[in-house]
N, C-alpha and C. Protein backbone atom coordinates (compact mmCIF):
# COMPACT_ATOMS: atom_id res chain seq x y z
N MET A 1 52.46 47.68 -11.17
CA MET A 1 52.77 47.98 -9.78
C MET A 1 52.54 46.72 -8.96
N SER A 2 53.47 46.51 -8.09
CA SER A 2 53.35 45.31 -7.27
C SER A 2 52.52 45.63 -6.03
N LEU A 3 52.13 44.58 -5.39
CA LEU A 3 51.32 44.72 -4.17
C LEU A 3 52.12 45.39 -3.06
N GLU A 4 53.41 45.14 -3.02
CA GLU A 4 54.27 45.74 -2.01
C GLU A 4 54.38 47.26 -2.20
N THR A 5 54.43 47.72 -3.43
CA THR A 5 54.50 49.14 -3.72
C THR A 5 53.21 49.83 -3.32
N LEU A 6 52.07 49.18 -3.60
CA LEU A 6 50.78 49.76 -3.19
C LEU A 6 50.65 49.84 -1.68
N THR A 7 51.18 48.85 -0.99
CA THR A 7 51.12 48.87 0.48
C THR A 7 51.95 50.02 1.04
N ILE A 8 53.12 50.25 0.48
CA ILE A 8 53.97 51.36 0.92
C ILE A 8 53.30 52.70 0.61
N ALA A 9 52.69 52.82 -0.57
CA ALA A 9 51.99 54.06 -0.94
C ALA A 9 50.82 54.32 0.00
N ARG A 10 50.09 53.26 0.34
CA ARG A 10 48.96 53.41 1.26
C ARG A 10 49.44 53.88 2.62
N ASP A 11 50.50 53.29 3.14
CA ASP A 11 51.04 53.68 4.44
C ASP A 11 51.51 55.14 4.43
N CYS A 12 52.15 55.55 3.36
CA CYS A 12 52.59 56.95 3.24
C CYS A 12 51.39 57.90 3.19
N ALA A 13 50.34 57.50 2.49
CA ALA A 13 49.14 58.33 2.41
C ALA A 13 48.48 58.48 3.78
N VAL A 14 48.43 57.40 4.54
CA VAL A 14 47.85 57.46 5.89
C VAL A 14 48.67 58.38 6.77
N ILE A 15 49.98 58.29 6.68
CA ILE A 15 50.85 59.16 7.49
C ILE A 15 50.66 60.62 7.08
N LEU A 16 50.58 60.89 5.78
CA LEU A 16 50.37 62.27 5.32
C LEU A 16 49.01 62.81 5.77
N LEU A 17 47.97 61.97 5.73
CA LEU A 17 46.66 62.41 6.22
C LEU A 17 46.69 62.71 7.71
N ALA A 18 47.39 61.88 8.48
CA ALA A 18 47.49 62.12 9.92
C ALA A 18 48.22 63.44 10.19
N LEU A 19 49.29 63.71 9.44
CA LEU A 19 50.01 64.98 9.60
C LEU A 19 49.13 66.17 9.23
N GLU A 20 48.36 66.01 8.16
CA GLU A 20 47.46 67.09 7.73
C GLU A 20 46.43 67.39 8.81
N VAL A 21 45.89 66.36 9.40
CA VAL A 21 44.89 66.56 10.47
C VAL A 21 45.54 67.27 11.65
N MET A 22 46.76 66.88 12.02
CA MET A 22 47.43 67.53 13.14
C MET A 22 47.69 69.01 12.86
N VAL A 23 48.10 69.32 11.64
CA VAL A 23 48.35 70.72 11.28
C VAL A 23 47.04 71.50 11.29
N LEU A 24 45.98 70.91 10.73
CA LEU A 24 44.69 71.62 10.68
C LEU A 24 44.11 71.82 12.08
N LEU A 25 44.41 70.92 13.00
CA LEU A 25 43.94 71.10 14.37
C LEU A 25 44.84 72.06 15.15
N ALA A 26 46.09 72.15 14.78
CA ALA A 26 47.03 73.01 15.50
C ALA A 26 46.72 74.49 15.28
N VAL A 27 46.26 74.85 14.11
CA VAL A 27 46.01 76.26 13.81
C VAL A 27 44.87 76.82 14.69
N PRO A 28 43.69 76.19 14.75
CA PRO A 28 42.65 76.73 15.65
C PRO A 28 43.05 76.68 17.12
N LEU A 29 43.80 75.65 17.52
CA LEU A 29 44.25 75.60 18.90
C LEU A 29 45.22 76.73 19.23
N PHE A 30 46.08 77.07 18.30
CA PHE A 30 47.00 78.19 18.49
C PHE A 30 46.24 79.51 18.60
N VAL A 31 45.25 79.69 17.73
CA VAL A 31 44.43 80.91 17.78
C VAL A 31 43.69 80.99 19.12
N LEU A 32 43.13 79.87 19.56
CA LEU A 32 42.42 79.84 20.84
C LEU A 32 43.37 80.17 22.00
N LEU A 33 44.59 79.65 21.94
CA LEU A 33 45.58 79.96 22.97
C LEU A 33 45.88 81.46 23.02
N LYS A 34 46.08 82.07 21.87
CA LYS A 34 46.40 83.50 21.83
C LYS A 34 45.21 84.35 22.30
N VAL A 35 44.00 83.96 21.93
CA VAL A 35 42.81 84.69 22.39
C VAL A 35 42.69 84.60 23.90
N THR A 36 42.91 83.42 24.45
CA THR A 36 42.83 83.23 25.89
C THR A 36 43.89 84.07 26.61
N GLN A 37 45.09 84.10 26.07
CA GLN A 37 46.14 84.92 26.67
C GLN A 37 45.79 86.41 26.59
N GLY A 38 45.22 86.83 25.48
CA GLY A 38 44.82 88.22 25.33
C GLY A 38 43.72 88.61 26.30
N LEU A 39 42.75 87.71 26.49
CA LEU A 39 41.69 87.99 27.45
C LEU A 39 42.22 88.06 28.87
N GLY A 40 43.21 87.24 29.17
CA GLY A 40 43.81 87.29 30.50
C GLY A 40 44.44 88.64 30.78
N ARG A 41 45.05 89.26 29.78
CA ARG A 41 45.64 90.58 29.96
C ARG A 41 44.58 91.68 29.91
N LEU A 42 43.48 91.44 29.21
CA LEU A 42 42.47 92.46 29.03
C LEU A 42 41.48 92.54 30.21
N MET A 43 41.23 91.42 30.89
CA MET A 43 40.22 91.39 31.94
C MET A 43 40.45 92.40 33.07
N PRO A 44 41.67 92.58 33.58
CA PRO A 44 41.84 93.59 34.64
C PRO A 44 41.46 95.00 34.19
N LYS A 45 41.62 95.28 32.91
CA LYS A 45 41.26 96.61 32.41
C LYS A 45 39.76 96.74 32.21
N ILE A 46 39.09 95.65 31.87
CA ILE A 46 37.66 95.68 31.58
C ILE A 46 36.80 95.56 32.84
N ARG A 47 37.33 94.88 33.87
CA ARG A 47 36.53 94.58 35.06
C ARG A 47 35.85 95.81 35.67
N PRO A 48 36.52 96.98 35.85
CA PRO A 48 35.81 98.14 36.42
C PRO A 48 34.66 98.62 35.52
N ALA A 49 34.85 98.60 34.22
CA ALA A 49 33.78 99.03 33.32
C ALA A 49 32.61 98.06 33.38
N MET A 50 32.89 96.78 33.48
CA MET A 50 31.81 95.79 33.57
C MET A 50 31.04 95.96 34.89
N ARG A 51 31.77 96.26 35.97
CA ARG A 51 31.11 96.47 37.26
C ARG A 51 30.19 97.69 37.18
N LYS A 52 30.65 98.76 36.54
CA LYS A 52 29.83 99.96 36.41
C LYS A 52 28.62 99.69 35.53
N ALA A 53 28.80 98.94 34.44
CA ALA A 53 27.67 98.59 33.57
C ALA A 53 26.65 97.76 34.33
N TYR A 54 27.11 96.86 35.20
CA TYR A 54 26.20 96.05 35.99
C TYR A 54 25.41 96.92 36.97
N GLN A 55 26.05 97.90 37.58
CA GLN A 55 25.35 98.80 38.50
C GLN A 55 24.30 99.63 37.77
N VAL A 56 24.64 100.10 36.57
CA VAL A 56 23.67 100.85 35.77
C VAL A 56 22.49 99.95 35.40
N GLU A 57 22.78 98.72 35.03
CA GLU A 57 21.71 97.78 34.68
C GLU A 57 20.80 97.53 35.87
N LEU A 58 21.36 97.41 37.08
CA LEU A 58 20.53 97.22 38.27
C LEU A 58 19.64 98.44 38.51
N ARG A 59 20.20 99.64 38.34
CA ARG A 59 19.41 100.85 38.52
C ARG A 59 18.26 100.91 37.52
N VAL A 60 18.55 100.62 36.26
CA VAL A 60 17.52 100.66 35.22
C VAL A 60 16.45 99.61 35.49
N THR A 61 16.87 98.44 35.93
CA THR A 61 15.90 97.38 36.25
C THR A 61 14.97 97.82 37.37
N GLY A 62 15.51 98.48 38.38
CA GLY A 62 14.67 98.98 39.48
C GLY A 62 13.67 100.01 39.00
N ILE A 63 14.12 100.92 38.13
CA ILE A 63 13.21 101.95 37.59
C ILE A 63 12.10 101.30 36.77
N VAL A 64 12.46 100.34 35.94
CA VAL A 64 11.46 99.66 35.11
C VAL A 64 10.48 98.89 35.98
N ASP A 65 10.96 98.22 37.02
CA ASP A 65 10.07 97.48 37.91
C ASP A 65 9.08 98.41 38.61
N ARG A 66 9.58 99.56 39.09
CA ARG A 66 8.67 100.51 39.74
C ARG A 66 7.64 101.05 38.75
N GLY A 67 8.07 101.32 37.52
CA GLY A 67 7.14 101.79 36.50
C GLY A 67 6.09 100.75 36.17
N MET A 68 6.50 99.48 36.10
CA MET A 68 5.55 98.42 35.80
C MET A 68 4.52 98.28 36.91
N VAL A 69 4.97 98.41 38.17
CA VAL A 69 4.03 98.33 39.29
C VAL A 69 3.03 99.48 39.21
N GLY A 70 3.51 100.68 38.90
CA GLY A 70 2.62 101.84 38.80
C GLY A 70 1.62 101.70 37.66
N ILE A 71 2.04 101.14 36.55
CA ILE A 71 1.14 100.97 35.41
C ILE A 71 0.15 99.85 35.68
N ARG A 72 0.61 98.80 36.33
CA ARG A 72 -0.22 97.62 36.54
C ARG A 72 -1.22 97.80 37.68
N ALA A 73 -0.95 98.67 38.65
CA ALA A 73 -1.77 98.80 39.85
C ALA A 73 -3.24 99.08 39.56
N PRO A 74 -3.60 100.03 38.68
CA PRO A 74 -5.03 100.28 38.45
C PRO A 74 -5.76 99.06 37.86
N PHE A 75 -5.09 98.32 37.01
CA PHE A 75 -5.73 97.16 36.40
C PHE A 75 -5.95 96.06 37.43
N VAL A 76 -4.97 95.88 38.31
CA VAL A 76 -5.12 94.89 39.37
C VAL A 76 -6.24 95.30 40.31
N TRP A 77 -6.29 96.59 40.63
CA TRP A 77 -7.35 97.08 41.52
C TRP A 77 -8.72 96.86 40.90
N LEU A 78 -8.86 97.21 39.60
CA LEU A 78 -10.15 97.02 38.92
C LEU A 78 -10.54 95.56 38.88
N ALA A 79 -9.62 94.69 38.61
CA ALA A 79 -9.94 93.26 38.56
C ALA A 79 -10.37 92.76 39.93
N SER A 80 -9.67 93.17 40.97
CA SER A 80 -10.04 92.70 42.31
C SER A 80 -11.37 93.32 42.75
N ALA A 81 -11.62 94.58 42.37
CA ALA A 81 -12.90 95.20 42.71
C ALA A 81 -14.05 94.48 42.00
N GLY A 82 -13.85 94.11 40.76
CA GLY A 82 -14.87 93.36 40.03
C GLY A 82 -15.15 92.02 40.66
N GLU A 83 -14.11 91.33 41.06
CA GLU A 83 -14.30 90.03 41.72
C GLU A 83 -15.00 90.20 43.06
N THR A 84 -14.66 91.27 43.78
CA THR A 84 -15.32 91.52 45.06
C THR A 84 -16.81 91.77 44.86
N LEU A 85 -17.16 92.58 43.87
CA LEU A 85 -18.57 92.84 43.59
C LEU A 85 -19.30 91.57 43.17
N ASP A 86 -18.68 90.74 42.38
CA ASP A 86 -19.29 89.47 42.00
C ASP A 86 -19.55 88.58 43.21
N THR A 87 -18.60 88.56 44.13
CA THR A 87 -18.76 87.75 45.34
C THR A 87 -19.88 88.29 46.21
N TRP A 88 -19.94 89.59 46.38
CA TRP A 88 -21.03 90.19 47.16
C TRP A 88 -22.37 89.91 46.51
N HIS A 89 -22.44 90.04 45.21
CA HIS A 89 -23.69 89.81 44.49
C HIS A 89 -24.14 88.36 44.68
N ALA A 90 -23.23 87.44 44.56
CA ALA A 90 -23.59 86.02 44.75
C ALA A 90 -24.04 85.76 46.17
N ALA A 91 -23.37 86.37 47.17
CA ALA A 91 -23.76 86.17 48.57
C ALA A 91 -25.13 86.77 48.84
N LEU A 92 -25.39 87.96 48.31
CA LEU A 92 -26.71 88.59 48.52
C LEU A 92 -27.82 87.78 47.86
N ARG A 93 -27.57 87.28 46.67
CA ARG A 93 -28.59 86.46 46.00
C ARG A 93 -28.88 85.20 46.80
N ARG A 94 -27.80 84.60 47.32
CA ARG A 94 -27.97 83.38 48.11
C ARG A 94 -28.75 83.66 49.40
N ASN A 95 -28.46 84.79 50.06
CA ASN A 95 -29.10 85.08 51.34
C ASN A 95 -30.54 85.59 51.18
N PHE A 96 -30.79 86.41 50.19
CA PHE A 96 -32.12 87.03 50.07
C PHE A 96 -33.06 86.25 49.17
N PHE A 97 -32.53 85.59 48.16
CA PHE A 97 -33.41 84.92 47.20
C PHE A 97 -33.27 83.40 47.25
N GLY A 98 -32.58 82.90 48.21
CA GLY A 98 -32.48 81.45 48.40
C GLY A 98 -31.69 80.75 47.30
N GLY A 99 -30.74 81.39 46.72
CA GLY A 99 -29.87 80.73 45.76
C GLY A 99 -30.34 80.78 44.32
N ARG A 100 -31.42 81.53 44.03
CA ARG A 100 -31.92 81.63 42.65
C ARG A 100 -31.09 82.54 41.84
């Protein structure tokens, strides 16, 4: 084989590889195009259901928040009452026993 034949074969191989890459990239791009077009037609039908799901989620979040406040309130009260008693105790010790 001559050097000229190898050069032509190399050039053909590069061209075939470039075509293969273009074809392999075209398939996912075509699928992405069709999915995007399908979503464009589907969104007007889905939008009311998504809005309703969002409203339900807001309602559930409000219920959960109120429940958490109700569950947490006694613990917060106990912690603050304990801190208040500690502060009073420290103040009384300081005033009556001179800081001992």
